Amino acid sequence: MPKEHDPRMTVSVGQREFEELNREWADYVAATGGGAGPVDPVLTLRRTGRILRSLDRLLASMDREDGTTDHPSAPQA
């Protein structure tokens, strides 16, 4: 039986950026209380912004297995 092509690719990301995203997500979950009570909308929006900034940095650190990058700031050929 022939092996089917797997359309997924392997990427590597910066460990520091990945850990930062995990911390920001944990802060967000703590701030929202997991839906257990009233939520401070301003704090929640601030935490959301921090997650998005952290995610942006994580994506900027991403490299594909073939060595190419798809960074928004990378020059396009």
PDB file of N, CA and C in Angstrom:
ATOM      1  N   MET A   1       0.838  -1.171   0.000  1.00  0.00           N
ATOM      2  CA  MET A   1       0.000   0.000   0.000  1.00  0.00           C
ATOM      3  C   MET A   1       0.893   1.249   0.000  1.00  0.00           C
ATOM      4  N   PRO A   2       0.738   2.142  -1.006  1.00  0.00           N
ATOM      5  CA  PRO A   2       1.603   3.323  -1.063  1.00  0.00           C
ATOM      6  C   PRO A   2       1.288   4.292   0.081  1.00  0.00           C
ATOM      7  N   LYS A   3       2.342   4.928   0.550  1.00  0.00           N
ATOM      8  CA  LYS A   3       2.184   5.905   1.611  1.00  0.00           C
ATOM      9  C   LYS A   3       1.565   7.172   1.014  1.00  0.00           C
ATOM     10  N   GLU A   4       0.486   7.648   1.615  1.00  0.00           N
ATOM     11  CA  GLU A   4      -0.167   8.864   1.127  1.00  0.00           C
ATOM     12  C   GLU A   4       0.631  10.092   1.563  1.00  0.00           C
ATOM     13  N   HIS A   5       0.549  11.114   0.743  1.00  0.00           N
ATOM     14  CA  HIS A   5       1.223  12.371   1.052  1.00  0.00           C
ATOM     15  C   HIS A   5       0.536  13.035   2.239  1.00  0.00           C
ATOM     16  N   ASP A   6       1.303  13.393   3.233  1.00  0.00           N
ATOM     17  CA  ASP A   6       0.787  14.098   4.410  1.00  0.00           C
ATOM     18  C   ASP A   6       0.971  15.594   4.157  1.00  0.00           C
ATOM     19  N   PRO A   7      -0.117  16.370   4.036  1.00  0.00           N
ATOM     20  CA  PRO A   7       0.004  17.791   3.703  1.00  0.00           C
ATOM     21  C   PRO A   7       0.528  18.659   4.845  1.00  0.00           C
ATOM     22  N   ARG A   8       0.721  18.082   6.027  1.00  0.00           N
ATOM     23  CA  ARG A   8       1.225  18.880   7.150  1.00  0.00           C
ATOM     24  C   ARG A   8       2.710  19.117   6.995  1.00  0.00           C
ATOM     25  N   MET A   9       3.197  20.219   7.563  1.00  0.00           N
ATOM     26  CA  MET A   9       4.616  20.497   7.562  1.00  0.00           C
ATOM     27  C   MET A   9       5.090  20.672   9.004  1.00  0.00           C
ATOM     28  N   THR A  10       6.356  20.469   9.201  1.00  0.00           N
ATOM     29  CA  THR A  10       6.944  20.651  10.511  1.00  0.00           C
ATOM     30  C   THR A  10       7.506  22.060  10.586  1.00  0.00           C
ATOM     31  N   VAL A  11       7.264  22.723  11.694  1.00  0.00           N
ATOM     32  CA  VAL A  11       7.815  24.059  11.898  1.00  0.00           C
ATOM     33  C   VAL A  11       8.547  24.074  13.231  1.00  0.00           C
ATOM     34  N   SER A  12       9.466  24.977  13.342  1.00  0.00           N
ATOM     35  CA  SER A  12      10.113  25.196  14.628  1.00  0.00           C
ATOM     36  C   SER A  12       9.878  26.642  15.018  1.00  0.00           C
ATOM     37  N   VAL A  13       9.706  26.849  16.308  1.00  0.00           N
ATOM     38  CA  VAL A  13       9.478  28.195  16.828  1.00  0.00           C
ATOM     39  C   VAL A  13      10.454  28.445  17.959  1.00  0.00           C
ATOM     40  N   GLY A  14      10.636  29.708  18.270  1.00  0.00           N
ATOM     41  CA  GLY A  14      11.523  30.065  19.363  1.00  0.00           C
ATOM     42  C   GLY A  14      10.967  29.589  20.699  1.00  0.00           C
ATOM     43  N   GLN A  15      11.821  28.969  21.482  1.00  0.00           N
ATOM     44  CA  GLN A  15      11.379  28.456  22.781  1.00  0.00           C
ATOM     45  C   GLN A  15      10.932  29.590  23.693  1.00  0.00           C
ATOM     46  N   ARG A  16      11.672  30.680  23.698  1.00  0.00           N
ATOM     47  CA  ARG A  16      11.313  31.821  24.548  1.00  0.00           C
ATOM     48  C   ARG A  16       9.939  32.360  24.159  1.00  0.00           C
ATOM     49  N   GLU A  17       9.681  32.480  22.862  1.00  0.00           N
ATOM     50  CA  GLU A  17       8.396  32.989  22.397  1.00  0.00           C
ATOM     51  C   GLU A  17       7.259  32.023  22.747  1.00  0.00           C
ATOM     52  N   PHE A  18       7.522  30.730  22.635  1.00  0.00           N
ATOM     53  CA  PHE A  18       6.520  29.729  22.981  1.00  0.00           C
ATOM     54  C   PHE A  18       6.182  29.783  24.469  1.00  0.00           C
ATOM     55  N   GLU A  19       7.208  29.893  25.307  1.00  0.00           N
ATOM     56  CA  GLU A  19       6.989  29.984  26.750  1.00  0.00           C
ATOM     57  C   GLU A  19       6.242  31.259  27.118  1.00  0.00           C
ATOM     58  N   GLU A  20       6.569  32.362  26.427  1.00  0.00           N
ATOM     59  CA  GLU A  20       5.866  33.624  26.679  1.00  0.00           C
ATOM     60  C   GLU A  20       4.383  33.486  26.348  1.00  0.00           C
ATOM     61  N   LEU A  21       4.076  32.844  25.226  1.00  0.00           N
ATOM     62  CA  LEU A  21       2.679  32.649  24.844  1.00  0.00           C
ATOM     63  C   LEU A  21       1.954  31.795  25.890  1.00  0.00           C
ATOM     64  N   ASN A  22       2.609  30.756  26.378  1.00  0.00           N
ATOM     65  CA  ASN A  22       2.001  29.925  27.421  1.00  0.00           C
ATOM     66  C   ASN A  22       1.712  30.731  28.687  1.00  0.00           C
ATOM     67  N   ARG A  23       2.647  31.596  29.083  1.00  0.00           N
ATOM     68  CA  ARG A  23       2.432  32.444  30.270  1.00  0.00           C
ATOM     69  C   ARG A  23       1.265  33.396  30.055  1.00  0.00           C
ATOM     70  N   GLU A  24       1.220  34.019  28.881  1.00  0.00           N
ATOM     71  CA  GLU A  24       0.140  34.969  28.594  1.00  0.00           C
ATOM     72  C   GLU A  24      -1.212  34.254  28.593  1.00  0.00           C
ATOM     73  N   TRP A  25      -1.255  33.044  28.049  1.00  0.00           N
ATOM     74  CA  TRP A  25      -2.507  32.285  28.038  1.00  0.00           C
ATOM     75  C   TRP A  25      -2.936  31.950  29.472  1.00  0.00           C
ATOM     76  N   ALA A  26      -1.980  31.539  30.310  1.00  0.00           N
ATOM     77  CA  ALA A  26      -2.295  31.225  31.705  1.00  0.00           C
ATOM     78  C   ALA A  26      -2.817  32.466  32.429  1.00  0.00           C
ATOM     79  N   ASP A  27      -2.222  33.635  32.161  1.00  0.00           N
ATOM     80  CA  ASP A  27      -2.700  34.883  32.766  1.00  0.00           C
ATOM     81  C   ASP A  27      -4.118  35.202  32.308  1.00  0.00           C
ATOM     82  N   TYR A  28      -4.395  34.960  31.037  1.00  0.00           N
ATOM     83  CA  TYR A  28      -5.734  35.206  30.502  1.00  0.00           C
ATOM     84  C   TYR A  28      -6.762  34.315  31.192  1.00  0.00           C
ATOM     85  N   VAL A  29      -6.452  33.028  31.294  1.00  0.00           N
ATOM     86  CA  VAL A  29      -7.376  32.082  31.936  1.00  0.00           C
ATOM     87  C   VAL A  29      -7.591  32.476  33.392  1.00  0.00           C
ATOM     88  N   ALA A  30      -6.526  32.888  34.071  1.00  0.00           N
ATOM     89  CA  ALA A  30      -6.661  33.314  35.467  1.00  0.00           C
ATOM     90  C   ALA A  30      -7.531  34.567  35.572  1.00  0.00           C
ATOM     91  N   ALA A  31      -7.370  35.501  34.631  1.00  0.00           N
ATOM     92  CA  ALA A  31      -8.137  36.750  34.674  1.00  0.00           C
ATOM     93  C   ALA A  31      -9.614  36.532  34.371  1.00  0.00           C
ATOM     94  N   THR A  32      -9.910  35.571  33.529  1.00  0.00           N
ATOM     95  CA  THR A  32     -11.306  35.327  33.174  1.00  0.00           C
ATOM     96  C   THR A  32     -11.965  34.351  34.124  1.00  0.00           C
ATOM     97  N   GLY A  33     -11.190  33.726  34.980  1.00  0.00           N
ATOM     98  CA  GLY A  33     -11.743  32.829  35.984  1.00  0.00           C
ATOM     99  C   GLY A  33     -12.356  31.569  35.433  1.00  0.00           C
ATOM    100  N   GLY A  34     -12.087  31.260  34.199  1.00  0.00           N
ATOM    101  CA  GLY A  34     -12.641  30.047  33.606  1.00  0.00           C
ATOM    102  C   GLY A  34     -14.153  30.056  33.546  1.00  0.00           C
ATOM    103  N   GLY A  35     -14.757  31.247  33.522  1.00  0.00           N
ATOM    104  CA  GLY A  35     -16.216  31.353  33.445  1.00  0.00           C
ATOM    105  C   GLY A  35     -16.918  31.122  34.771  1.00  0.00           C
ATOM    106  N   ALA A  36     -16.171  31.171  35.880  1.00  0.00           N
ATOM    107  CA  ALA A  36     -16.750  30.878  37.197  1.00  0.00           C
ATOM    108  C   ALA A  36     -17.418  32.083  37.855  1.00  0.00           C
ATOM    109  N   GLY A  37     -17.300  33.245  37.280  1.00  0.00           N
ATOM    110  CA  GLY A  37     -17.904  34.415  37.915  1.00  0.00           C
ATOM    111  C   GLY A  37     -17.806  35.625  37.025  1.00  0.00           C
ATOM    112  N   PRO A  38     -18.046  36.817  37.607  1.00  0.00           N
ATOM    113  CA  PRO A  38     -17.984  38.045  36.804  1.00  0.00           C
ATOM    114  C   PRO A  38     -16.565  38.280  36.273  1.00  0.00           C
ATOM    115  N   VAL A  39     -16.505  38.836  35.095  1.00  0.00           N
ATOM    116  CA  VAL A  39     -15.230  39.074  34.419  1.00  0.00           C
ATOM    117  C   VAL A  39     -15.032  40.566  34.246  1.00  0.00           C
ATOM    118  N   ASP A  40     -13.831  41.038  34.511  1.00  0.00           N
ATOM    119  CA  ASP A  40     -13.470  42.439  34.281  1.00  0.00           C
ATOM    120  C   ASP A  40     -13.176  42.589  32.792  1.00  0.00           C
ATOM    121  N   PRO A  41     -14.030  43.269  32.045  1.00  0.00           N
ATOM    122  CA  PRO A  41     -13.833  43.350  30.590  1.00  0.00           C
ATOM    123  C   PRO A  41     -12.566  44.079  30.188  1.00  0.00           C
ATOM    124  N   VAL A  42     -12.157  45.087  30.954  1.00  0.00           N
ATOM    125  CA  VAL A  42     -10.942  45.821  30.612  1.00  0.00           C
ATOM    126  C   VAL A  42      -9.716  44.923  30.791  1.00  0.00           C
ATOM    127  N   LEU A  43      -9.652  44.226  31.907  1.00  0.00           N
ATOM    128  CA  LEU A  43      -8.539  43.312  32.139  1.00  0.00           C
ATOM    129  C   LEU A  43      -8.521  42.209  31.090  1.00  0.00           C
ATOM    130  N   THR A  44      -9.681  41.703  30.734  1.00  0.00           N
ATOM    131  CA  THR A  44      -9.764  40.645  29.723  1.00  0.00           C
ATOM    132  C   THR A  44      -9.254  41.142  28.372  1.00  0.00           C
ATOM    133  N   LEU A  45      -9.625  42.359  27.992  1.00  0.00           N
ATOM    134  CA  LEU A  45      -9.133  42.910  26.719  1.00  0.00           C
ATOM    135  C   LEU A  45      -7.632  43.141  26.752  1.00  0.00           C
ATOM    136  N   ARG A  46      -7.110  43.588  27.877  1.00  0.00           N
ATOM    137  CA  ARG A  46      -5.657  43.775  27.996  1.00  0.00           C
ATOM    138  C   ARG A  46      -4.941  42.436  27.840  1.00  0.00           C
ATOM    139  N   ARG A  47      -5.458  41.417  28.506  1.00  0.00           N
ATOM    140  CA  ARG A  47      -4.853  40.089  28.411  1.00  0.00           C
ATOM    141  C   ARG A  47      -4.948  39.557  26.981  1.00  0.00           C
ATOM    142  N   THR A  48      -6.066  39.825  26.316  1.00  0.00           N
ATOM    143  CA  THR A  48      -6.224  39.397  24.924  1.00  0.00           C
ATOM    144  C   THR A  48      -5.180  40.070  24.042  1.00  0.00           C
ATOM    145  N   GLY A  49      -4.961  41.361  24.253  1.00  0.00           N
ATOM    146  CA  GLY A  49      -3.939  42.080  23.493  1.00  0.00           C
ATOM    147  C   GLY A  49      -2.552  41.513  23.722  1.00  0.00           C
ATOM    148  N   ARG A  50      -2.258  41.136  24.969  1.00  0.00           N
ATOM    149  CA  ARG A  50      -0.953  40.556  25.275  1.00  0.00           C
ATOM    150  C   ARG A  50      -0.791  39.200  24.603  1.00  0.00           C
ATOM    151  N   ILE A  51      -1.861  38.431  24.542  1.00  0.00           N
ATOM    152  CA  ILE A  51      -1.802  37.137  23.846  1.00  0.00           C
ATOM    153  C   ILE A  51      -1.528  37.361  22.362  1.00  0.00           C
ATOM    154  N   LEU A  52      -2.217  38.316  21.764  1.00  0.00           N
ATOM    155  CA  LEU A  52      -2.023  38.577  20.332  1.00  0.00           C
ATOM    156  C   LEU A  52      -0.611  39.058  20.033  1.00  0.00           C
ATOM    157  N   ARG A  53      -0.057  39.927  20.870  1.00  0.00           N
ATOM    158  CA  ARG A  53       1.326  40.377  20.667  1.00  0.00           C
ATOM    159  C   ARG A  53       2.301  39.209  20.816  1.00  0.00           C
ATOM    160  N   SER A  54       2.053  38.374  21.815  1.00  0.00           N
ATOM    161  CA  SER A  54       2.908  37.216  22.033  1.00  0.00           C
ATOM    162  C   SER A  54       2.815  36.248  20.856  1.00  0.00           C
ATOM    163  N   LEU A  55       1.618  36.042  20.349  1.00  0.00           N
ATOM    164  CA  LEU A  55       1.428  35.171  19.196  1.00  0.00           C
ATOM    165  C   LEU A  55       2.137  35.734  17.970  1.00  0.00           C
ATOM    166  N   ASP A  56       2.093  37.040  17.801  1.00  0.00           N
ATOM    167  CA  ASP A  56       2.800  37.672  16.683  1.00  0.00           C
ATOM    168  C   ASP A  56       4.297  37.407  16.769  1.00  0.00           C
ATOM    169  N   ARG A  57       4.864  37.536  17.974  1.00  0.00           N
ATOM    170  CA  ARG A  57       6.291  37.257  18.149  1.00  0.00           C
ATOM    171  C   ARG A  57       6.604  35.780  17.901  1.00  0.00           C
ATOM    172  N   LEU A  58       5.708  34.895  18.339  1.00  0.00           N
ATOM    173  CA  LEU A  58       5.903  33.463  18.110  1.00  0.00           C
ATOM    174  C   LEU A  58       5.909  33.158  16.617  1.00  0.00           C
ATOM    175  N   LEU A  59       4.949  33.709  15.893  1.00  0.00           N
ATOM    176  CA  LEU A  59       4.882  33.469  14.448  1.00  0.00           C
ATOM    177  C   LEU A  59       6.096  34.041  13.733  1.00  0.00           C
ATOM    178  N   ALA A  60       6.610  35.165  14.222  1.00  0.00           N
ATOM    179  CA  ALA A  60       7.793  35.757  13.604  1.00  0.00           C
ATOM    180  C   ALA A  60       9.027  34.887  13.821  1.00  0.00           C
ATOM    181  N   SER A  61       9.012  34.043  14.844  1.00  0.00           N
ATOM    182  CA  SER A  61      10.162  33.179  15.115  1.00  0.00           C
ATOM    183  C   SER A  61      10.074  31.848  14.377  1.00  0.00           C
ATOM    184  N   MET A  62       9.004  31.647  13.613  1.00  0.00           N
ATOM    185  CA  MET A  62       8.730  30.355  12.995  1.00  0.00           C
ATOM    186  C   MET A  62       9.562  30.134  11.732  1.00  0.00           C
ATOM    187  N   ASP A  63      10.107  28.943  11.630  1.00  0.00           N
ATOM    188  CA  ASP A  63      10.814  28.500  10.431  1.00  0.00           C
ATOM    189  C   ASP A  63      10.255  27.152  10.018  1.00  0.00           C
ATOM    190  N   ARG A  64      10.138  26.941   8.718  1.00  0.00           N
ATOM    191  CA  ARG A  64       9.640  25.667   8.209  1.00  0.00           C
ATOM    192  C   ARG A  64      10.770  24.667   8.143  1.00  0.00           C
ATOM    193  N   GLU A  65      10.405  23.382   8.002  1.00  0.00           N
ATOM    194  CA  GLU A  65      11.403  22.316   7.959  1.00  0.00           C
ATOM    195  C   GLU A  65      12.335  22.435   6.759  1.00  0.00           C
ATOM    196  N   ASP A  66      11.875  23.103   5.688  1.00  0.00           N
ATOM    197  CA  ASP A  66      12.729  23.239   4.504  1.00  0.00           C
ATOM    198  C   ASP A  66      13.664  24.445   4.614  1.00  0.00           C
ATOM    199  N   GLY A  67      13.650  25.117   5.770  1.00  0.00           N
ATOM    200  CA  GLY A  67      14.566  26.221   6.003  1.00  0.00           C
ATOM    201  C   GLY A  67      14.059  27.565   5.533  1.00  0.00           C
ATOM    202  N   THR A  68      12.903  27.599   4.895  1.00  0.00           N
ATOM    203  CA  THR A  68      12.365  28.874   4.451  1.00  0.00           C
ATOM    204  C   THR A  68      11.546  29.501   5.564  1.00  0.00           C
ATOM    205  N   THR A  69      11.346  30.796   5.451  1.00  0.00           N
ATOM    206  CA  THR A  69      10.543  31.511   6.445  1.00  0.00           C
ATOM    207  C   THR A  69       9.376  32.184   5.750  1.00  0.00           C
ATOM    208  N   ASP A  70       8.320  32.359   6.479  1.00  0.00           N
ATOM    209  CA  ASP A  70       7.155  33.081   5.978  1.00  0.00           C
ATOM    210  C   ASP A  70       6.844  34.254   6.897  1.00  0.00           C
ATOM    211  N   HIS A  71       7.878  34.901   7.404  1.00  0.00           N
ATOM    212  CA  HIS A  71       7.681  36.026   8.304  1.00  0.00           C
ATOM    213  C   HIS A  71       7.097  37.203   7.540  1.00  0.00           C
ATOM    214  N   PRO A  72       6.144  37.911   8.150  1.00  0.00           N
ATOM    215  CA  PRO A  72       5.619  39.099   7.480  1.00  0.00           C
ATOM    216  C   PRO A  72       6.701  40.113   7.182  1.00  0.00           C
ATOM    217  N   SER A  73       7.738  40.162   8.028  1.00  0.00           N
ATOM    218  CA  SER A  73       8.794  41.141   7.832  1.00  0.00           C
ATOM    219  C   SER A  73       9.913  40.648   6.915  1.00  0.00           C
ATOM    220  N   ALA A  74       9.834  39.374   6.508  1.00  0.00           N
ATOM    221  CA  ALA A  74      10.865  38.818   5.644  1.00  0.00           C
ATOM    222  C   ALA A  74      10.723  39.378   4.237  1.00  0.00           C
ATOM    223  N   PRO A  75      11.843  39.732   3.601  1.00  0.00           N
ATOM    224  CA  PRO A  75      11.762  40.251   2.235  1.00  0.00           C
ATOM    225  C   PRO A  75      11.212  39.180   1.288  1.00  0.00           C
ATOM    226  N   GLN A  76      10.348  39.601   0.392  1.00  0.00           N
ATOM    227  CA  GLN A  76       9.747  38.702  -0.587  1.00  0.00           C
ATOM    228  C   GLN A  76      10.556  38.751  -1.876  1.00  0.00           C
ATOM    229  N   ALA A  77      10.857  37.586  -2.439  1.00  0.00           N
ATOM    230  CA  ALA A  77      11.650  37.519  -3.675  1.00  0.00           C
ATOM    231  C   ALA A  77      10.797  37.789  -4.886  1.00  0.00           C
TER     232      ALA A  77
END
